[in-house]
Amino acid sequence: MKTVFPRLLIAAIALTLAACSPQFDWREIRSDAAPYVVAMPAKPSTFSRKIDLDGTETVMTMTAAEVGDVTFAVGMAELPDATRAQLSLAAMKTALVNNIRGTVRQEKVLTMAQTQTASGGTLAVTEIEATGPASAATGNQPRVLFARFVARDKRVYQLVATGPEKAVTRDIVATYFSSFKFN
């Protein structure tokens, strides 16, 4: 009995501490590369790479954070003009869905404020939910991808939340997506 009680006490303390520890430590991130702010659930990393968007080579800057098996990312690229930026949104969507070997389950068009002031107007935003097959990377669960795509002037943006379907809840996605604002 004397050896069981300390083990039970330690287990109870560990469970209590785990319950108090927030899984998502949301923090406001301001981009150095573009005029936006977003809440990330962990300290993000930023990297850039060359990509092809609908026949136009450009550099995409990604800021991403991972919590458990869920990845949150904001991608931004600048195109030669606003027309090409608008046209490249479909290519961005196709590339993301292809990356997970997925299919789009739901797609809708929303609007968001162009600036943080009421007089700045609105922008059209395409939002998708896609699913892909289970893999070792998702703990043999189907992968889900939630993404938003928006063009503003010559820049395009993609917001992504992806991971095992059971780990990416709509509440988490709503918190993440609603935090994205243009400066």
N, C-alpha and C. Protein backbone atom coordinates (compact mmCIF):
# COMPACT_ATOMS: atom_id res chain seq x y z
N MET A 1 0.82 -1.19 0.00
CA MET A 1 0.00 0.00 0.00
C MET A 1 0.86 1.25 0.00
N LYS A 2 2.01 1.22 0.74
CA LYS A 2 2.88 2.40 0.81
C LYS A 2 3.48 2.73 -0.55
N THR A 3 3.74 1.76 -1.40
CA THR A 3 4.34 2.04 -2.71
C THR A 3 3.29 2.42 -3.74
N VAL A 4 2.04 2.03 -3.55
CA VAL A 4 0.99 2.35 -4.51
C VAL A 4 0.54 3.80 -4.37
N PHE A 5 0.41 4.29 -3.13
CA PHE A 5 -0.08 5.65 -2.91
C PHE A 5 0.80 6.72 -3.58
N PRO A 6 2.14 6.69 -3.41
CA PRO A 6 2.95 7.69 -4.10
C PRO A 6 2.81 7.65 -5.62
N ARG A 7 2.66 6.47 -6.18
CA ARG A 7 2.48 6.36 -7.63
C ARG A 7 1.15 6.96 -8.07
N LEU A 8 0.11 6.69 -7.29
CA LEU A 8 -1.20 7.27 -7.60
C LEU A 8 -1.17 8.79 -7.46
N LEU A 9 -0.49 9.29 -6.44
CA LEU A 9 -0.39 10.74 -6.22
C LEU A 9 0.36 11.39 -7.39
N ILE A 10 1.45 10.80 -7.81
CA ILE A 10 2.23 11.34 -8.93
C ILE A 10 1.39 11.31 -10.21
N ALA A 11 0.65 10.23 -10.43
CA ALA A 11 -0.20 10.13 -11.62
C ALA A 11 -1.30 11.19 -11.58
N ALA A 12 -1.90 11.41 -10.41
CA ALA A 12 -2.95 12.42 -10.28
C ALA A 12 -2.41 13.81 -10.54
N ILE A 13 -1.23 14.11 -10.03
CA ILE A 13 -0.61 15.43 -10.25
C ILE A 13 -0.29 15.62 -11.73
N ALA A 14 0.25 14.59 -12.37
CA ALA A 14 0.57 14.67 -13.80
C ALA A 14 -0.68 14.92 -14.63
N LEU A 15 -1.77 14.22 -14.32
CA LEU A 15 -3.02 14.43 -15.05
C LEU A 15 -3.56 15.84 -14.84
N THR A 16 -3.47 16.35 -13.61
CA THR A 16 -3.94 17.71 -13.31
C THR A 16 -3.13 18.73 -14.09
N LEU A 17 -1.82 18.57 -14.10
CA LEU A 17 -0.97 19.52 -14.84
C LEU A 17 -1.24 19.44 -16.34
N ALA A 18 -1.45 18.25 -16.85
CA ALA A 18 -1.74 18.12 -18.28
C ALA A 18 -3.06 18.79 -18.63
N ALA A 19 -4.04 18.69 -17.77
CA ALA A 19 -5.33 19.32 -18.01
C ALA A 19 -5.23 20.84 -17.98
N CYS A 20 -4.33 21.38 -17.16
CA CYS A 20 -4.16 22.84 -17.05
C CYS A 20 -3.32 23.41 -18.17
N SER A 21 -2.55 22.59 -18.83
CA SER A 21 -1.64 23.05 -19.88
C SER A 21 -2.41 23.27 -21.17
N PRO A 22 -2.43 24.51 -21.68
CA PRO A 22 -3.19 24.74 -22.91
C PRO A 22 -2.49 24.10 -24.10
N GLN A 23 -3.28 23.43 -24.94
CA GLN A 23 -2.70 22.82 -26.13
C GLN A 23 -2.33 23.89 -27.14
N PHE A 24 -3.16 24.92 -27.23
CA PHE A 24 -2.92 25.99 -28.18
C PHE A 24 -2.56 27.26 -27.43
N ASP A 25 -1.36 27.74 -27.64
CA ASP A 25 -0.86 28.96 -27.01
C ASP A 25 -0.92 30.07 -28.06
N TRP A 26 -2.14 30.62 -28.30
CA TRP A 26 -2.35 31.59 -29.36
C TRP A 26 -1.55 32.85 -29.10
N ARG A 27 -0.89 33.35 -30.14
CA ARG A 27 -0.10 34.57 -30.07
C ARG A 27 -0.24 35.32 -31.39
N GLU A 28 -0.22 36.63 -31.31
CA GLU A 28 -0.37 37.47 -32.50
C GLU A 28 0.96 37.55 -33.23
N ILE A 29 0.91 37.28 -34.53
CA ILE A 29 2.10 37.31 -35.38
C ILE A 29 1.89 38.37 -36.46
N ARG A 30 2.85 39.25 -36.60
CA ARG A 30 2.82 40.26 -37.66
C ARG A 30 3.87 39.89 -38.69
N SER A 31 3.46 39.90 -39.94
CA SER A 31 4.36 39.53 -41.02
C SER A 31 5.34 40.65 -41.33
N ASP A 32 6.59 40.27 -41.58
CA ASP A 32 7.58 41.24 -42.06
C ASP A 32 7.49 41.39 -43.58
N ALA A 33 6.95 40.37 -44.24
CA ALA A 33 6.92 40.35 -45.71
C ALA A 33 5.66 40.96 -46.30
N ALA A 34 4.58 41.06 -45.52
CA ALA A 34 3.31 41.56 -46.06
C ALA A 34 2.50 42.20 -44.92
N PRO A 35 1.55 43.05 -45.27
CA PRO A 35 0.79 43.76 -44.23
C PRO A 35 -0.38 42.94 -43.66
N TYR A 36 -0.06 41.93 -42.85
CA TYR A 36 -1.12 41.18 -42.19
C TYR A 36 -0.72 40.80 -40.77
N VAL A 37 -1.73 40.45 -39.99
CA VAL A 37 -1.55 39.94 -38.64
C VAL A 37 -2.43 38.70 -38.51
N VAL A 38 -1.95 37.69 -37.77
CA VAL A 38 -2.69 36.45 -37.58
C VAL A 38 -2.33 35.87 -36.21
N ALA A 39 -3.22 35.11 -35.63
CA ALA A 39 -2.92 34.41 -34.38
C ALA A 39 -2.44 33.01 -34.73
N MET A 40 -1.30 32.65 -34.19
CA MET A 40 -0.75 31.31 -34.38
C MET A 40 -0.78 30.59 -33.03
N PRO A 41 -1.01 29.27 -33.04
CA PRO A 41 -1.16 28.53 -31.79
C PRO A 41 0.15 28.08 -31.15
N ALA A 42 1.26 28.47 -31.74
CA ALA A 42 2.60 28.14 -31.23
C ALA A 42 3.57 29.07 -31.94
N LYS A 43 4.82 29.06 -31.50
CA LYS A 43 5.82 29.90 -32.14
C LYS A 43 6.05 29.40 -33.57
N PRO A 44 5.84 30.28 -34.57
CA PRO A 44 5.97 29.84 -35.96
C PRO A 44 7.39 29.94 -36.50
N SER A 45 7.59 29.26 -37.61
CA SER A 45 8.81 29.38 -38.41
C SER A 45 8.41 30.01 -39.73
N THR A 46 9.34 30.72 -40.35
CA THR A 46 9.08 31.36 -41.64
C THR A 46 10.15 30.91 -42.63
N PHE A 47 9.71 30.58 -43.83
CA PHE A 47 10.63 30.20 -44.89
C PHE A 47 10.05 30.63 -46.22
N SER A 48 10.90 30.71 -47.24
CA SER A 48 10.47 31.11 -48.58
C SER A 48 10.98 30.12 -49.60
N ARG A 49 10.21 29.96 -50.68
CA ARG A 49 10.67 29.10 -51.78
C ARG A 49 10.01 29.54 -53.07
N LYS A 50 10.67 29.24 -54.18
CA LYS A 50 10.11 29.57 -55.49
C LYS A 50 8.99 28.59 -55.83
N ILE A 51 7.91 29.15 -56.39
CA ILE A 51 6.78 28.33 -56.83
C ILE A 51 6.30 28.85 -58.18
N ASP A 52 5.49 28.04 -58.84
CA ASP A 52 4.86 28.44 -60.09
C ASP A 52 3.37 28.58 -59.84
N LEU A 53 2.84 29.77 -60.05
CA LEU A 53 1.41 30.02 -59.89
C LEU A 53 0.80 30.34 -61.24
N ASP A 54 0.14 29.37 -61.80
CA ASP A 54 -0.55 29.56 -63.07
C ASP A 54 0.38 30.12 -64.16
N GLY A 55 1.60 29.56 -64.22
CA GLY A 55 2.55 29.96 -65.25
C GLY A 55 3.44 31.14 -64.88
N THR A 56 3.28 31.68 -63.69
CA THR A 56 4.12 32.79 -63.24
C THR A 56 4.99 32.31 -62.08
N GLU A 57 6.30 32.42 -62.25
CA GLU A 57 7.21 32.04 -61.18
C GLU A 57 7.28 33.18 -60.16
N THR A 58 7.17 32.82 -58.89
CA THR A 58 7.22 33.81 -57.82
C THR A 58 7.79 33.15 -56.58
N VAL A 59 7.99 33.92 -55.54
CA VAL A 59 8.47 33.39 -54.27
C VAL A 59 7.33 33.43 -53.27
N MET A 60 7.07 32.28 -52.64
CA MET A 60 6.05 32.22 -51.60
C MET A 60 6.74 32.20 -50.25
N THR A 61 6.30 33.06 -49.37
CA THR A 61 6.79 33.09 -48.00
C THR A 61 5.74 32.43 -47.12
N MET A 62 6.15 31.40 -46.39
CA MET A 62 5.25 30.65 -45.52
C MET A 62 5.64 30.89 -44.07
N THR A 63 4.64 31.15 -43.25
CA THR A 63 4.81 31.22 -41.81
C THR A 63 3.94 30.12 -41.24
N ALA A 64 4.55 29.18 -40.52
CA ALA A 64 3.81 28.00 -40.09
C ALA A 64 4.15 27.62 -38.66
N ALA A 65 3.15 27.06 -37.98
CA ALA A 65 3.31 26.55 -36.62
C ALA A 65 2.63 25.19 -36.56
N GLU A 66 3.16 24.33 -35.71
CA GLU A 66 2.60 23.00 -35.56
C GLU A 66 2.29 22.74 -34.10
N VAL A 67 1.11 22.20 -33.84
CA VAL A 67 0.72 21.78 -32.50
C VAL A 67 0.24 20.34 -32.62
N GLY A 68 0.98 19.43 -31.99
CA GLY A 68 0.66 18.02 -32.16
C GLY A 68 0.81 17.66 -33.61
N ASP A 69 -0.24 17.10 -34.19
CA ASP A 69 -0.22 16.70 -35.60
C ASP A 69 -0.88 17.72 -36.51
N VAL A 70 -1.26 18.88 -35.96
CA VAL A 70 -1.98 19.89 -36.74
C VAL A 70 -1.03 21.01 -37.14
N THR A 71 -1.06 21.36 -38.42
CA THR A 71 -0.21 22.43 -38.96
C THR A 71 -1.09 23.61 -39.33
N PHE A 72 -0.63 24.80 -38.95
CA PHE A 72 -1.27 26.07 -39.29
C PHE A 72 -0.26 26.85 -40.11
N ALA A 73 -0.68 27.40 -41.24
CA ALA A 73 0.27 28.13 -42.09
C ALA A 73 -0.42 29.28 -42.81
N VAL A 74 0.36 30.33 -43.04
CA VAL A 74 -0.06 31.44 -43.89
C VAL A 74 0.99 31.54 -44.98
N GLY A 75 0.53 31.50 -46.23
CA GLY A 75 1.43 31.67 -47.36
C GLY A 75 1.11 32.97 -48.07
N MET A 76 2.13 33.67 -48.54
CA MET A 76 1.95 34.92 -49.26
C MET A 76 2.92 34.95 -50.43
N ALA A 77 2.41 35.39 -51.58
CA ALA A 77 3.26 35.57 -52.75
C ALA A 77 2.83 36.84 -53.47
N GLU A 78 3.79 37.46 -54.15
CA GLU A 78 3.49 38.68 -54.91
C GLU A 78 3.61 38.37 -56.39
N LEU A 79 2.59 38.78 -57.14
CA LEU A 79 2.54 38.57 -58.58
C LEU A 79 2.79 39.90 -59.29
N PRO A 80 3.00 39.88 -60.61
CA PRO A 80 3.30 41.12 -61.35
C PRO A 80 2.18 42.17 -61.29
N ASP A 81 0.92 41.70 -61.20
CA ASP A 81 -0.19 42.66 -61.17
C ASP A 81 -1.40 42.03 -60.48
N ALA A 82 -2.42 42.84 -60.21
CA ALA A 82 -3.61 42.39 -59.48
C ALA A 82 -4.40 41.34 -60.26
N THR A 83 -4.42 41.45 -61.59
CA THR A 83 -5.16 40.48 -62.39
C THR A 83 -4.54 39.10 -62.26
N ARG A 84 -3.22 39.02 -62.38
CA ARG A 84 -2.54 37.72 -62.23
C ARG A 84 -2.71 37.17 -60.82
N ALA A 85 -2.70 38.06 -59.85
CA ALA A 85 -2.90 37.62 -58.47
C ALA A 85 -4.26 36.93 -58.33
N GLN A 86 -5.29 37.56 -58.85
CA GLN A 86 -6.64 37.01 -58.77
C GLN A 86 -6.72 35.67 -59.49
N LEU A 87 -6.12 35.58 -60.67
CA LEU A 87 -6.17 34.34 -61.45
C LEU A 87 -5.39 33.20 -60.80
N SER A 88 -4.37 33.52 -60.02
CA SER A 88 -3.52 32.48 -59.42
C SER A 88 -4.17 31.77 -58.24
N LEU A 89 -5.27 32.30 -57.71
CA LEU A 89 -5.92 31.69 -56.55
C LEU A 89 -6.36 30.25 -56.84
N ALA A 90 -6.87 30.02 -58.03
CA ALA A 90 -7.31 28.66 -58.39
C ALA A 90 -6.12 27.70 -58.41
N ALA A 91 -4.97 28.16 -58.89
CA ALA A 91 -3.77 27.32 -58.92
C ALA A 91 -3.31 27.00 -57.50
N MET A 92 -3.41 27.97 -56.59
CA MET A 92 -3.04 27.72 -55.20
C MET A 92 -3.94 26.65 -54.59
N LYS A 93 -5.23 26.77 -54.83
CA LYS A 93 -6.19 25.80 -54.29
C LYS A 93 -5.90 24.41 -54.82
N THR A 94 -5.71 24.29 -56.13
CA THR A 94 -5.43 23.00 -56.74
C THR A 94 -4.16 22.38 -56.17
N ALA A 95 -3.12 23.17 -56.01
CA ALA A 95 -1.84 22.66 -55.49
C ALA A 95 -2.00 22.13 -54.06
N LEU A 96 -2.71 22.86 -53.22
CA LEU A 96 -2.90 22.40 -51.84
C LEU A 96 -3.69 21.09 -51.78
N VAL A 97 -4.76 21.01 -52.52
CA VAL A 97 -5.57 19.79 -52.53
C VAL A 97 -4.76 18.63 -53.09
N ASN A 98 -3.98 18.87 -54.13
CA ASN A 98 -3.12 17.82 -54.69
C ASN A 98 -2.05 17.38 -53.70
N ASN A 99 -1.55 18.30 -52.88
CA ASN A 99 -0.52 17.96 -51.89
C ASN A 99 -0.99 16.89 -50.92
N ILE A 100 -2.28 16.86 -50.62
CA ILE A 100 -2.80 15.83 -49.71
C ILE A 100 -3.48 14.70 -50.47
N ARG A 101 -3.35 14.70 -51.80
CA ARG A 101 -4.02 13.72 -52.67
C ARG A 101 -5.51 13.68 -52.32
N GLY A 102 -6.07 14.87 -52.15
CA GLY A 102 -7.43 14.96 -51.64
C GLY A 102 -8.47 15.38 -52.64
N THR A 103 -9.67 15.52 -52.13
CA THR A 103 -10.80 16.03 -52.90
C THR A 103 -11.50 17.09 -52.06
N VAL A 104 -12.03 18.09 -52.73
CA VAL A 104 -12.74 19.16 -52.04
C VAL A 104 -14.10 18.64 -51.62
N ARG A 105 -14.36 18.75 -50.33
CA ARG A 105 -15.64 18.31 -49.77
C ARG A 105 -16.64 19.46 -49.72
N GLN A 106 -16.12 20.67 -49.51
CA GLN A 106 -16.98 21.85 -49.41
C GLN A 106 -16.20 23.07 -49.88
N GLU A 107 -16.88 23.99 -50.57
CA GLU A 107 -16.27 25.24 -51.01
C GLU A 107 -17.30 26.35 -50.94
N LYS A 108 -16.87 27.51 -50.45
CA LYS A 108 -17.77 28.66 -50.39
C LYS A 108 -16.98 29.94 -50.55
N VAL A 109 -17.68 31.00 -50.92
CA VAL A 109 -17.06 32.32 -51.06
C VAL A 109 -17.62 33.22 -49.96
N LEU A 110 -16.71 33.86 -49.24
CA LEU A 110 -17.03 34.77 -48.15
C LEU A 110 -16.45 36.14 -48.47
N THR A 111 -16.64 37.08 -47.58
CA THR A 111 -15.96 38.37 -47.70
C THR A 111 -15.23 38.65 -46.40
N MET A 112 -14.19 39.45 -46.52
CA MET A 112 -13.46 39.91 -45.34
C MET A 112 -13.09 41.37 -45.55
N ALA A 113 -12.85 42.06 -44.44
CA ALA A 113 -12.48 43.47 -44.51
C ALA A 113 -11.12 43.61 -45.17
N GLN A 114 -11.00 44.59 -46.04
CA GLN A 114 -9.74 44.86 -46.71
C GLN A 114 -8.75 45.57 -45.79
N THR A 115 -9.27 46.31 -44.83
CA THR A 115 -8.44 46.97 -43.82
C THR A 115 -9.13 46.83 -42.47
N GLN A 116 -8.47 47.22 -41.42
CA GLN A 116 -9.06 47.12 -40.09
C GLN A 116 -10.04 48.26 -39.80
N THR A 117 -10.18 49.21 -40.73
CA THR A 117 -11.18 50.27 -40.56
C THR A 117 -12.41 49.93 -41.39
N ALA A 118 -13.55 50.41 -40.98
CA ALA A 118 -14.81 50.09 -41.66
C ALA A 118 -14.87 50.63 -43.08
N SER A 119 -14.14 51.68 -43.38
CA SER A 119 -14.23 52.31 -44.70
C SER A 119 -13.32 51.67 -45.75
N GLY A 120 -12.61 50.59 -45.41
CA GLY A 120 -11.65 50.00 -46.33
C GLY A 120 -12.22 49.09 -47.38
N GLY A 121 -13.51 48.76 -47.30
CA GLY A 121 -14.11 47.86 -48.28
C GLY A 121 -13.88 46.40 -47.93
N THR A 122 -14.32 45.50 -48.81
CA THR A 122 -14.19 44.07 -48.56
C THR A 122 -13.51 43.36 -49.73
N LEU A 123 -13.05 42.17 -49.46
CA LEU A 123 -12.43 41.30 -50.45
C LEU A 123 -13.15 39.96 -50.47
N ALA A 124 -13.20 39.32 -51.62
CA ALA A 124 -13.76 37.98 -51.73
C ALA A 124 -12.73 36.97 -51.25
N VAL A 125 -13.19 36.01 -50.48
CA VAL A 125 -12.34 34.96 -49.93
C VAL A 125 -12.96 33.61 -50.29
N THR A 126 -12.16 32.73 -50.86
CA THR A 126 -12.62 31.37 -51.14
C THR A 126 -12.17 30.49 -49.98
N GLU A 127 -13.10 29.73 -49.43
CA GLU A 127 -12.78 28.81 -48.33
C GLU A 127 -13.13 27.40 -48.76
N ILE A 128 -12.21 26.47 -48.48
CA ILE A 128 -12.46 25.07 -48.82
C ILE A 128 -12.22 24.17 -47.62
N GLU A 129 -12.86 23.02 -47.69
CA GLU A 129 -12.57 21.90 -46.81
C GLU A 129 -12.31 20.73 -47.73
N ALA A 130 -11.17 20.09 -47.57
CA ALA A 130 -10.81 18.95 -48.41
C ALA A 130 -10.35 17.80 -47.52
N THR A 131 -10.50 16.59 -48.03
CA THR A 131 -10.04 15.42 -47.29
C THR A 131 -9.10 14.61 -48.17
N GLY A 132 -8.15 13.99 -47.51
CA GLY A 132 -7.20 13.13 -48.20
C GLY A 132 -7.10 11.80 -47.48
N PRO A 133 -6.45 10.85 -48.09
CA PRO A 133 -6.38 9.51 -47.50
C PRO A 133 -5.53 9.47 -46.24
N ALA A 134 -5.77 8.46 -45.43
CA ALA A 134 -4.97 8.23 -44.23
C ALA A 134 -3.54 7.90 -44.63
N SER A 135 -2.61 8.28 -43.76
CA SER A 135 -1.20 7.98 -44.00
C SER A 135 -0.49 7.88 -42.66
N ALA A 136 0.76 7.49 -42.70
CA ALA A 136 1.55 7.42 -41.47
C ALA A 136 1.68 8.81 -40.84
N ALA A 137 1.74 9.85 -41.67
CA ALA A 137 1.88 11.23 -41.16
C ALA A 137 0.64 11.69 -40.38
N THR A 138 -0.50 11.06 -40.61
CA THR A 138 -1.73 11.44 -39.91
C THR A 138 -2.18 10.36 -38.95
N GLY A 139 -1.26 9.50 -38.52
CA GLY A 139 -1.62 8.44 -37.59
C GLY A 139 -2.64 7.49 -38.17
N ASN A 140 -2.54 7.26 -39.48
CA ASN A 140 -3.47 6.39 -40.22
C ASN A 140 -4.92 6.84 -40.11
N GLN A 141 -5.13 8.14 -39.97
CA GLN A 141 -6.46 8.74 -40.01
C GLN A 141 -6.56 9.53 -41.31
N PRO A 142 -7.77 9.75 -41.81
CA PRO A 142 -7.91 10.62 -42.98
C PRO A 142 -7.38 12.02 -42.65
N ARG A 143 -6.78 12.68 -43.63
CA ARG A 143 -6.29 14.05 -43.46
C ARG A 143 -7.40 15.00 -43.86
N VAL A 144 -7.51 16.09 -43.10
CA VAL A 144 -8.45 17.15 -43.47
C VAL A 144 -7.65 18.42 -43.69
N LEU A 145 -8.08 19.21 -44.63
CA LEU A 145 -7.43 20.48 -44.95
C LEU A 145 -8.52 21.55 -45.01
N PHE A 146 -8.36 22.58 -44.20
CA PHE A 146 -9.21 23.76 -44.28
C PHE A 146 -8.31 24.87 -44.82
N ALA A 147 -8.77 25.60 -45.82
CA ALA A 147 -7.94 26.65 -46.40
C ALA A 147 -8.79 27.82 -46.85
N ARG A 148 -8.19 29.00 -46.78
CA ARG A 148 -8.79 30.22 -47.32
C ARG A 148 -7.80 30.84 -48.28
N PHE A 149 -8.34 31.40 -49.37
CA PHE A 149 -7.52 32.03 -50.40
C PHE A 149 -8.07 33.42 -50.68
N VAL A 150 -7.17 34.40 -50.72
CA VAL A 150 -7.60 35.77 -50.98
C VAL A 150 -6.50 36.51 -51.74
N ALA A 151 -6.90 37.37 -52.66
CA ALA A 151 -5.97 38.24 -53.38
C ALA A 151 -6.25 39.68 -52.96
N ARG A 152 -5.18 40.41 -52.71
CA ARG A 152 -5.28 41.83 -52.37
C ARG A 152 -4.19 42.55 -53.15
N ASP A 153 -4.61 43.40 -54.06
CA ASP A 153 -3.68 44.07 -54.96
C ASP A 153 -2.86 43.01 -55.71
N LYS A 154 -1.52 43.10 -55.63
CA LYS A 154 -0.66 42.15 -56.35
C LYS A 154 -0.32 40.91 -55.52
N ARG A 155 -0.81 40.83 -54.31
CA ARG A 155 -0.44 39.72 -53.42
C ARG A 155 -1.57 38.71 -53.28
N VAL A 156 -1.16 37.45 -53.12
CA VAL A 156 -2.10 36.37 -52.83
C VAL A 156 -1.74 35.77 -51.47
N TYR A 157 -2.77 35.31 -50.77
CA TYR A 157 -2.59 34.75 -49.44
C TYR A 157 -3.35 33.43 -49.35
N GLN A 158 -2.78 32.49 -48.61
CA GLN A 158 -3.49 31.26 -48.30
C GLN A 158 -3.31 30.98 -46.81
N LEU A 159 -4.41 30.69 -46.15
CA LEU A 159 -4.40 30.27 -44.74
C LEU A 159 -4.75 28.80 -44.73
N VAL A 160 -4.00 28.02 -43.97
CA VAL A 160 -4.18 26.58 -43.98
C VAL A 160 -4.18 26.05 -42.56
N ALA A 161 -5.11 25.14 -42.28
CA ALA A 161 -5.10 24.33 -41.07
C ALA A 161 -5.29 22.90 -41.55
N THR A 162 -4.35 22.01 -41.23
CA THR A 162 -4.42 20.65 -41.75
C THR A 162 -3.83 19.66 -40.75
N GLY A 163 -4.35 18.45 -40.81
CA GLY A 163 -3.88 17.38 -39.95
C GLY A 163 -4.86 16.23 -39.96
N PRO A 164 -4.73 15.31 -38.99
CA PRO A 164 -5.68 14.21 -38.91
C PRO A 164 -7.10 14.75 -38.70
N GLU A 165 -8.06 14.16 -39.38
CA GLU A 165 -9.42 14.68 -39.35
C GLU A 165 -9.96 14.85 -37.94
N LYS A 166 -9.65 13.94 -37.04
CA LYS A 166 -10.17 14.03 -35.66
C LYS A 166 -9.49 15.12 -34.85
N ALA A 167 -8.31 15.58 -35.26
CA ALA A 167 -7.56 16.58 -34.49
C ALA A 167 -7.86 18.01 -34.90
N VAL A 168 -8.38 18.23 -36.11
CA VAL A 168 -8.61 19.58 -36.61
C VAL A 168 -10.10 19.89 -36.46
N THR A 169 -10.45 20.57 -35.36
CA THR A 169 -11.86 20.86 -35.11
C THR A 169 -12.26 22.18 -35.77
N ARG A 170 -13.54 22.31 -36.03
CA ARG A 170 -14.06 23.54 -36.64
C ARG A 170 -13.86 24.74 -35.73
N ASP A 171 -13.91 24.55 -34.42
CA ASP A 171 -13.68 25.66 -33.49
C ASP A 171 -12.26 26.20 -33.61
N ILE A 172 -11.30 25.31 -33.71
CA ILE A 172 -9.90 25.73 -33.85
C ILE A 172 -9.71 26.47 -35.17
N VAL A 173 -10.29 25.94 -36.23
CA VAL A 173 -10.18 26.56 -37.55
C VAL A 173 -10.83 27.94 -37.54
N ALA A 174 -12.00 28.06 -36.92
CA ALA A 174 -12.70 29.35 -36.85
C ALA A 174 -11.87 30.38 -36.09
N THR A 175 -11.26 29.97 -34.99
CA THR A 175 -10.39 30.87 -34.23
C THR A 175 -9.24 31.35 -35.10
N TYR A 176 -8.60 30.42 -35.77
CA TYR A 176 -7.45 30.74 -36.61
C TYR A 176 -7.84 31.64 -37.79
N PHE A 177 -8.85 31.24 -38.54
CA PHE A 177 -9.24 32.00 -39.71
C PHE A 177 -9.72 33.42 -39.34
N SER A 178 -10.48 33.55 -38.28
CA SER A 178 -11.02 34.87 -37.92
C SER A 178 -9.94 35.81 -37.40
N SER A 179 -8.78 35.28 -37.03
CA SER A 179 -7.71 36.14 -36.52
C SER A 179 -6.94 36.85 -37.63
N PHE A 180 -7.04 36.35 -38.87
CA PHE A 180 -6.29 36.92 -39.98
C PHE A 180 -6.88 38.27 -40.39
N LYS A 181 -6.05 39.30 -40.34
CA LYS A 181 -6.48 40.66 -40.71
C LYS A 181 -5.37 41.34 -41.49
N PHE A 182 -5.76 42.24 -42.36
CA PHE A 182 -4.79 43.08 -43.06
C PHE A 182 -4.53 44.33 -42.23
N ASN A 183 -3.28 44.77 -42.22
CA ASN A 183 -2.92 46.01 -41.50
C ASN A 183 -3.37 47.20 -42.32
